[in-house]
C-alpha atoms as a PDB file:
ATOM      1  CA  UNK A   1      13.429 -12.340  -0.143  1.00  0.00           C
ATOM      2  CA  UNK A   2      12.892  -9.550  -2.731  1.00  0.00           C
ATOM      3  CA  UNK A   3       9.864  -6.966  -1.933  1.00  0.00           C
ATOM      4  CA  UNK A   4       7.621  -5.697  -3.614  1.00  0.00           C
ATOM      5  CA  UNK A   5       8.163  -2.162  -4.079  1.00  0.00           C
ATOM      6  CA  UNK A   6       4.779   0.320  -4.623  1.00  0.00           C
ATOM      7  CA  UNK A   7       6.009   4.020  -5.034  1.00  0.00           C
ATOM      8  CA  UNK A   8       3.109   6.259  -4.191  1.00  0.00           C
ATOM      9  CA  UNK A   9       1.838   8.664  -6.437  1.00  0.00           C
ATOM     10  CA  UNK A  10       0.692  10.983  -3.867  1.00  0.00           C
ATOM     11  CA  UNK A  11       4.397  12.142  -3.949  1.00  0.00           C
ATOM     12  CA  UNK A  12       4.813  12.704  -7.478  1.00  0.00           C
ATOM     13  CA  UNK A  13       4.925  16.139  -9.602  1.00  0.00           C
ATOM     14  CA  UNK A  14       1.115  15.917 -10.883  1.00  0.00           C
ATOM     15  CA  UNK A  15       2.413  18.785 -13.410  1.00  0.00           C
ATOM     16  CA  UNK A  16       4.593  16.260 -15.049  1.00  0.00           C
ATOM     17  CA  UNK A  17       2.369  13.054 -14.547  1.00  0.00           C
ATOM     18  CA  UNK A  18       3.140  11.239 -17.923  1.00  0.00           C
ATOM     19  CA  UNK A  19       6.624  11.499 -17.332  1.00  0.00           C
ATOM     20  CA  UNK A  20       6.795  10.550 -13.553  1.00  0.00           C
ATOM     21  CA  UNK A  21       4.707   7.122 -14.701  1.00  0.00           C
ATOM     22  CA  UNK A  22       7.250   6.802 -17.492  1.00  0.00           C
ATOM     23  CA  UNK A  23       9.833   6.611 -14.886  1.00  0.00           C
ATOM     24  CA  UNK A  24       7.882   3.730 -12.827  1.00  0.00           C
ATOM     25  CA  UNK A  25       7.182   1.758 -15.894  1.00  0.00           C
ATOM     26  CA  UNK A  26      11.146   2.196 -16.676  1.00  0.00           C
ATOM     27  CA  UNK A  27      11.922   1.064 -13.143  1.00  0.00           C
ATOM     28  CA  UNK A  28      12.221  -2.118 -10.683  1.00  0.00           C
ATOM     29  CA  UNK A  29       9.061  -0.961  -9.391  1.00  0.00           C
ATOM     30  CA  UNK A  30       6.482  -3.826  -8.784  1.00  0.00           C
ATOM     31  CA  UNK A  31       3.182  -2.046  -8.181  1.00  0.00           C
ATOM     32  CA  UNK A  32       2.212   1.886  -8.415  1.00  0.00           C
ATOM     33  CA  UNK A  33       0.299   3.007  -5.141  1.00  0.00           C
ATOM     34  CA  UNK A  34      -2.484   5.391  -5.301  1.00  0.00           C
ATOM     35  CA  UNK A  35      -3.836   7.139  -2.129  1.00  0.00           C
ATOM     36  CA  UNK A  36      -7.977   8.078  -2.612  1.00  0.00           C
ATOM     37  CA  UNK A  37      -8.613  10.373   0.287  1.00  0.00           C
ATOM     38  CA  UNK A  38     -12.145  11.868   0.379  1.00  0.00           C
ATOM     39  CA  UNK A  39     -11.768  14.431   3.183  1.00  0.00           C
ATOM     40  CA  UNK A  40     -13.874  12.603   5.516  1.00  0.00           C
ATOM     41  CA  UNK A  41     -12.298   9.788   6.583  1.00  0.00           C
ATOM     42  CA  UNK A  42      -8.373  11.648   6.524  1.00  0.00           C
ATOM     43  CA  UNK A  43      -8.451  15.234   6.518  1.00  0.00           C
ATOM     44  CA  UNK A  44      -7.273  15.453   2.940  1.00  0.00           C
ATOM     45  CA  UNK A  45      -8.668  14.919  -0.514  1.00  0.00           C
ATOM     46  CA  UNK A  46      -6.744  13.604  -3.586  1.00  0.00           C
ATOM     47  CA  UNK A  47      -8.174  12.192  -6.619  1.00  0.00           C
ATOM     48  CA  UNK A  48     -10.939   9.492  -7.800  1.00  0.00           C
ATOM     49  CA  UNK A  49     -11.751   7.196 -10.554  1.00  0.00           C
ATOM     50  CA  UNK A  50     -11.188   9.667 -13.360  1.00  0.00           C
ATOM     51  CA  UNK A  51      -7.441  10.099 -12.536  1.00  0.00           C
ATOM     52  CA  UNK A  52      -6.984   6.432 -11.530  1.00  0.00           C
ATOM     53  CA  UNK A  53      -8.497   5.562 -15.082  1.00  0.00           C
ATOM     54  CA  UNK A  54      -5.631   7.893 -16.738  1.00  0.00           C
ATOM     55  CA  UNK A  55      -3.019   6.809 -14.805  1.00  0.00           C
ATOM     56  CA  UNK A  56      -4.104   3.097 -15.935  1.00  0.00           C
ATOM     57  CA  UNK A  57      -3.898   3.995 -19.657  1.00  0.00           C
ATOM     58  CA  UNK A  58      -0.302   5.122 -18.982  1.00  0.00           C
ATOM     59  CA  UNK A  59       0.993   2.762 -16.411  1.00  0.00           C
ATOM     60  CA  UNK A  60       2.210  -1.068 -16.984  1.00  0.00           C
ATOM     61  CA  UNK A  61       2.517  -1.655 -13.578  1.00  0.00           C
ATOM     62  CA  UNK A  62      -0.190  -3.270 -11.339  1.00  0.00           C
ATOM     63  CA  UNK A  63      -2.250  -0.386  -9.720  1.00  0.00           C
ATOM     64  CA  UNK A  64      -2.358  -0.473  -5.997  1.00  0.00           C
ATOM     65  CA  UNK A  65      -5.269   1.434  -4.907  1.00  0.00           C
ATOM     66  CA  UNK A  66      -5.706   2.537  -1.171  1.00  0.00           C
ATOM     67  CA  UNK A  67      -9.305   3.824  -0.447  1.00  0.00           C
ATOM     68  CA  UNK A  68      -8.935   5.872   2.610  1.00  0.00           C
ATOM     69  CA  UNK A  69     -12.421   6.886   2.510  1.00  0.00           C
ATOM     70  CA  UNK A  70     -15.957   6.278   4.048  1.00  0.00           C
ATOM     71  CA  UNK A  71     -18.597   3.574   2.910  1.00  0.00           C
ATOM     72  CA  UNK A  72     -15.999   2.124   0.322  1.00  0.00           C
ATOM     73  CA  UNK A  73     -18.345  -0.553  -0.698  1.00  0.00           C
ATOM     74  CA  UNK A  74     -20.283   1.977  -2.650  1.00  0.00           C
ATOM     75  CA  UNK A  75     -17.258   2.510  -5.217  1.00  0.00           C
ATOM     76  CA  UNK A  76     -15.504  -0.923  -5.555  1.00  0.00           C
ATOM     77  CA  UNK A  77     -16.950  -1.824  -8.595  1.00  0.00           C
ATOM     78  CA  UNK A  78     -16.009   1.567 -10.279  1.00  0.00           C
ATOM     79  CA  UNK A  79     -12.479   1.575  -9.136  1.00  0.00           C
ATOM     80  CA  UNK A  80     -12.051  -1.730 -10.364  1.00  0.00           C
ATOM     81  CA  UNK A  81     -13.168  -0.423 -13.468  1.00  0.00           C
ATOM     82  CA  UNK A  82     -10.866   2.117 -13.569  1.00  0.00           C
ATOM     83  CA  UNK A  83      -7.916   0.247 -13.295  1.00  0.00           C
ATOM     84  CA  UNK A  84      -7.230  -0.975  -9.886  1.00  0.00           C
ATOM     85  CA  UNK A  85      -5.816  -4.331  -9.430  1.00  0.00           C
ATOM     86  CA  UNK A  86      -5.541  -4.547  -5.706  1.00  0.00           C
ATOM     87  CA  UNK A  87      -7.929  -2.790  -3.409  1.00  0.00           C
ATOM     88  CA  UNK A  88      -7.524  -1.763   0.097  1.00  0.00           C
ATOM     89  CA  UNK A  89     -10.151  -0.825   2.498  1.00  0.00           C
ATOM     90  CA  UNK A  90      -9.776   0.634   6.040  1.00  0.00           C
ATOM     91  CA  UNK A  91     -10.885  -1.831   8.987  1.00  0.00           C
ATOM     92  CA  UNK A  92     -12.042   1.426  10.690  1.00  0.00           C
ATOM     93  CA  UNK A  93     -14.135   2.289   7.783  1.00  0.00           C
ATOM     94  CA  UNK A  94     -16.009  -0.936   7.216  1.00  0.00           C
ATOM     95  CA  UNK A  95     -18.825  -2.104   9.473  1.00  0.00           C
ATOM     96  CA  UNK A  96     -19.538  -5.240   7.260  1.00  0.00           C
ATOM     97  CA  UNK A  97     -15.646  -5.848   6.544  1.00  0.00           C
ATOM     98  CA  UNK A  98     -16.334  -9.681   5.596  1.00  0.00           C
ATOM     99  CA  UNK A  99     -19.062  -8.750   2.593  1.00  0.00           C
ATOM    100  CA  UNK A 100     -16.610  -5.768   1.527  1.00  0.00           C
ATOM    101  CA  UNK A 101     -13.908  -8.005   1.200  1.00  0.00           C
ATOM    102  CA  UNK A 102     -15.863 -10.665  -0.746  1.00  0.00           C
ATOM    103  CA  UNK A 103     -17.233  -7.969  -3.025  1.00  0.00           C
ATOM    104  CA  UNK A 104     -13.485  -6.640  -3.732  1.00  0.00           C
ATOM    105  CA  UNK A 105     -12.635 -10.667  -4.620  1.00  0.00           C
ATOM    106  CA  UNK A 106     -15.771 -10.699  -6.987  1.00  0.00           C
ATOM    107  CA  UNK A 107     -14.435  -8.144  -9.320  1.00  0.00           C
ATOM    108  CA  UNK A 108     -11.261  -9.829  -9.946  1.00  0.00           C
ATOM    109  CA  UNK A 109      -9.153  -7.441  -7.874  1.00  0.00           C
ATOM    110  CA  UNK A 110      -6.822  -8.707  -4.855  1.00  0.00           C
ATOM    111  CA  UNK A 111      -8.362  -7.747  -1.512  1.00  0.00           C
ATOM    112  CA  UNK A 112      -6.366  -5.566   1.481  1.00  0.00           C
ATOM    113  CA  UNK A 113      -7.437  -4.166   4.899  1.00  0.00           C
ATOM    114  CA  UNK A 114      -5.408  -1.439   5.919  1.00  0.00           C
ATOM    115  CA  UNK A 115      -5.339  -0.576   9.833  1.00  0.00           C
ATOM    116  CA  UNK A 116      -4.264   3.070  11.068  1.00  0.00           C
ATOM    117  CA  UNK A 117      -1.477   3.297  13.818  1.00  0.00           C
ATOM    118  CA  UNK A 118      -3.281   2.801  16.864  1.00  0.00           C
ATOM    119  CA  UNK A 119      -5.393  -0.131  15.760  1.00  0.00           C
ATOM    120  CA  UNK A 120      -3.966  -3.364  17.084  1.00  0.00           C
ATOM    121  CA  UNK A 121      -3.564  -6.315  14.217  1.00  0.00           C
ATOM    122  CA  UNK A 122      -5.456  -8.952  16.225  1.00  0.00           C
ATOM    123  CA  UNK A 123      -8.484  -7.174  14.693  1.00  0.00           C
ATOM    124  CA  UNK A 124      -7.424  -8.814  11.410  1.00  0.00           C
ATOM    125  CA  UNK A 125      -7.514 -12.402  13.190  1.00  0.00           C
ATOM    126  CA  UNK A 126     -11.011 -13.194  11.799  1.00  0.00           C
ATOM    127  CA  UNK A 127     -10.323 -12.073   8.375  1.00  0.00           C
ATOM    128  CA  UNK A 128      -6.933 -13.040   7.446  1.00  0.00           C
ATOM    129  CA  UNK A 129      -8.492 -15.730   5.106  1.00  0.00           C
ATOM    130  CA  UNK A 130     -10.517 -13.499   3.202  1.00  0.00           C
ATOM    131  CA  UNK A 131      -7.916 -11.103   2.317  1.00  0.00           C
ATOM    132  CA  UNK A 132      -4.828 -11.076  -0.004  1.00  0.00           C
ATOM    133  CA  UNK A 133      -3.003  -7.949   1.849  1.00  0.00           C
ATOM    134  CA  UNK A 134      -2.561  -6.218   5.172  1.00  0.00           C
ATOM    135  CA  UNK A 135      -1.400  -2.674   5.108  1.00  0.00           C
ATOM    136  CA  UNK A 136       0.108  -1.323   8.424  1.00  0.00           C
ATOM    137  CA  UNK A 137      -0.243   2.471   8.480  1.00  0.00           C
ATOM    138  CA  UNK A 138       3.024   3.700   9.864  1.00  0.00           C
ATOM    139  CA  UNK A 139       2.072   7.107   9.958  1.00  0.00           C
ATOM    140  CA  UNK A 140      -1.213   8.749  10.553  1.00  0.00           C
ATOM    141  CA  UNK A 141      -3.146   8.576   7.112  1.00  0.00           C
ATOM    142  CA  UNK A 142      -3.978  11.896   5.082  1.00  0.00           C
ATOM    143  CA  UNK A 143      -0.471  13.169   4.312  1.00  0.00           C
ATOM    144  CA  UNK A 144       2.609  12.230   2.930  1.00  0.00           C
ATOM    145  CA  UNK A 145       6.020  12.966   4.149  1.00  0.00           C
ATOM    146  CA  UNK A 146       5.243  12.227   7.682  1.00  0.00           C
ATOM    147  CA  UNK A 147       7.642  10.348  10.023  1.00  0.00           C
ATOM    148  CA  UNK A 148       7.728   6.383  10.321  1.00  0.00           C
ATOM    149  CA  UNK A 149       6.186   5.225  13.724  1.00  0.00           C
ATOM    150  CA  UNK A 150       8.602   2.724  14.963  1.00  0.00           C
ATOM    151  CA  UNK A 151       5.864   1.078  16.696  1.00  0.00           C
ATOM    152  CA  UNK A 152       4.823  -0.560  13.564  1.00  0.00           C
ATOM    153  CA  UNK A 153       7.955  -3.069  13.455  1.00  0.00           C
ATOM    154  CA  UNK A 154       6.520  -4.940  16.388  1.00  0.00           C
ATOM    155  CA  UNK A 155       3.012  -4.981  14.787  1.00  0.00           C
ATOM    156  CA  UNK A 156       4.724  -6.243  11.667  1.00  0.00           C
ATOM    157  CA  UNK A 157       6.151  -9.083  13.436  1.00  0.00           C
ATOM    158  CA  UNK A 158       2.941  -9.925  15.689  1.00  0.00           C
ATOM    159  CA  UNK A 159       1.124  -9.985  12.187  1.00  0.00           C
ATOM    160  CA  UNK A 160       3.648 -12.258  10.162  1.00  0.00           C
ATOM    161  CA  UNK A 161       3.563 -14.794  12.933  1.00  0.00           C
ATOM    162  CA  UNK A 162      -0.465 -14.943  12.809  1.00  0.00           C
ATOM    163  CA  UNK A 163       0.040 -15.291   9.022  1.00  0.00           C
ATOM    164  CA  UNK A 164       2.702 -18.045   8.879  1.00  0.00           C
ATOM    165  CA  UNK A 165       1.062 -19.907  11.681  1.00  0.00           C
ATOM    166  CA  UNK A 166      -1.741 -20.120   9.095  1.00  0.00           C
ATOM    167  CA  UNK A 167       0.099 -20.900   6.150  1.00  0.00           C
ATOM    168  CA  UNK A 168      -1.700 -18.043   4.328  1.00  0.00           C
ATOM    169  CA  UNK A 169      -0.358 -16.144   1.313  1.00  0.00           C
ATOM    170  CA  UNK A 170      -1.157 -12.730   2.537  1.00  0.00           C
ATOM    171  CA  UNK A 171       0.924  -9.650   1.903  1.00  0.00           C
ATOM    172  CA  UNK A 172       2.026  -7.350   4.606  1.00  0.00           C
ATOM    173  CA  UNK A 173       2.411  -3.829   3.161  1.00  0.00           C
ATOM    174  CA  UNK A 174       4.010  -1.042   5.277  1.00  0.00           C
ATOM    175  CA  UNK A 175       2.886   2.826   4.356  1.00  0.00           C
ATOM    176  CA  UNK A 176       4.275   5.393   5.735  1.00  0.00           C
ATOM    177  CA  UNK A 177       7.488   6.734   6.071  1.00  0.00           C
ATOM    178  CA  UNK A 178       9.196   4.103   4.416  1.00  0.00           C
ATOM    179  CA  UNK A 179      13.002   4.361   2.945  1.00  0.00           C
ATOM    180  CA  UNK A 180      16.329   3.385   3.042  1.00  0.00           C
ATOM    181  CA  UNK A 181      16.906   4.490   6.646  1.00  0.00           C
ATOM    182  CA  UNK A 182      14.548   1.757   7.762  1.00  0.00           C
ATOM    183  CA  UNK A 183      13.504  -0.374   5.030  1.00  0.00           C
ATOM    184  CA  UNK A 184      15.767  -3.286   6.218  1.00  0.00           C
ATOM    185  CA  UNK A 185      14.334  -3.377   9.356  1.00  0.00           C
ATOM    186  CA  UNK A 186      10.882  -3.240   8.125  1.00  0.00           C
ATOM    187  CA  UNK A 187      11.384  -6.167   6.068  1.00  0.00           C
ATOM    188  CA  UNK A 188      13.010  -8.258   8.565  1.00  0.00           C
ATOM    189  CA  UNK A 189      10.220  -8.110  10.728  1.00  0.00           C
ATOM    190  CA  UNK A 190       8.374  -9.370   8.266  1.00  0.00           C
ATOM    191  CA  UNK A 191       6.503  -7.138   5.828  1.00  0.00           C
ATOM    192  CA  UNK A 192       6.919  -7.832   1.992  1.00  0.00           C
ATOM    193  CA  UNK A 193       5.572  -4.841   0.224  1.00  0.00           C
ATOM    194  CA  UNK A 194       6.986  -1.258   0.589  1.00  0.00           C
ATOM    195  CA  UNK A 195       5.103   1.758  -0.053  1.00  0.00           C
ATOM    196  CA  UNK A 196       7.675   4.388  -0.641  1.00  0.00           C
ATOM    197  CA  UNK A 197       6.625   8.199  -1.545  1.00  0.00           C
ATOM    198  CA  UNK A 198       8.829  10.848  -1.221  1.00  0.00           C
ATOM    199  CA  UNK A 199      11.837   8.797  -0.765  1.00  0.00           C
ATOM    200  CA  UNK A 200      11.502   7.804  -4.408  1.00  0.00           C
ATOM    201  CA  UNK A 201      10.063  10.496  -6.004  1.00  0.00           C
ATOM    202  CA  UNK A 202      11.895  13.310  -4.030  1.00  0.00           C
ATOM    203  CA  UNK A 203      15.196  11.560  -4.478  1.00  0.00           C
ATOM    204  CA  UNK A 204      17.960  12.792  -6.984  1.00  0.00           C
ATOM    205  CA  UNK A 205      17.513   9.053  -9.020  1.00  0.00           C
ATOM    206  CA  UNK A 206      14.185   7.672  -8.325  1.00  0.00           C
ATOM    207  CA  UNK A 207      15.200   4.666 -10.425  1.00  0.00           C
ATOM    208  CA  UNK A 208      18.146   4.079  -8.194  1.00  0.00           C
ATOM    209  CA  UNK A 209      15.995   4.539  -5.085  1.00  0.00           C
ATOM    210  CA  UNK A 210      13.480   1.951  -6.070  1.00  0.00           C
ATOM    211  CA  UNK A 211      16.479  -0.508  -6.683  1.00  0.00           C
ATOM    212  CA  UNK A 212      18.067   0.190  -3.935  1.00  0.00           C
ATOM    213  CA  UNK A 213      14.774  -0.423  -1.679  1.00  0.00           C
ATOM    214  CA  UNK A 214      14.657  -4.046  -3.237  1.00  0.00           C
ATOM    215  CA  UNK A 215      18.179  -4.810  -2.456  1.00  0.00           C
ATOM    216  CA  UNK A 216      17.283  -4.210   1.202  1.00  0.00           C
ATOM    217  CA  UNK A 217      15.272  -7.709   0.998  1.00  0.00           C
ATOM    218  CA  UNK A 218      18.510  -9.590   0.026  1.00  0.00           C
ATOM    219  CA  UNK A 219      20.247  -7.821   3.095  1.00  0.00           C
ATOM    220  CA  UNK A 220      17.556  -8.137   5.608  1.00  0.00           C
ATOM    221  CA  UNK A 221      18.008 -12.028   5.455  1.00  0.00           C
ATOM    222  CA  UNK A 222      21.482 -11.305   7.448  1.00  0.00           C
ATOM    223  CA  UNK A 223      19.749  -9.274  10.243  1.00  0.00           C
END
């Protein structure tokens, strides 16, 4: 299995944003991951629709937009219009999650649900048919550069079995602390999308780091 690699723009050098996006365009990356934070759902503020619009004009890869915000349903259409191809909301932020996922799909975007490290994967059981992607946070959301929470591997195995048993085409994305040191184990557990921030943008050779992450998918088959 060759995984999808989604470098996280949060770790990029924003003073060289155009160059950083050119790097992604010229790499084996599949998506570009964008973390939208509001300072309420998570203790940090990043960027919104205007930056995503600018990125969309420069980036040739699909935009994987992760909304770490309260009341995301108010902004779904605006983020889609800004260029989002995948829109992921948090289970913990959506009291009417079925409706929000239907709202995302109605825009033409793929619908994702993220869960925090303390949230069990079983909460996704009733909505698996309504989503295209499940994002397991492997760090506490809000800041880049954190250490991977290894309990995520068992959660990934459980979720993969839930998805496989119902023959659903749902991606499992792992977000936080992902790098060459753990990518093979993550993929062997059943994930197929890797969000990588610091391990890509802070690498001596980011393009090579992306290629090596993709290669981990072939290696994980042997585990």
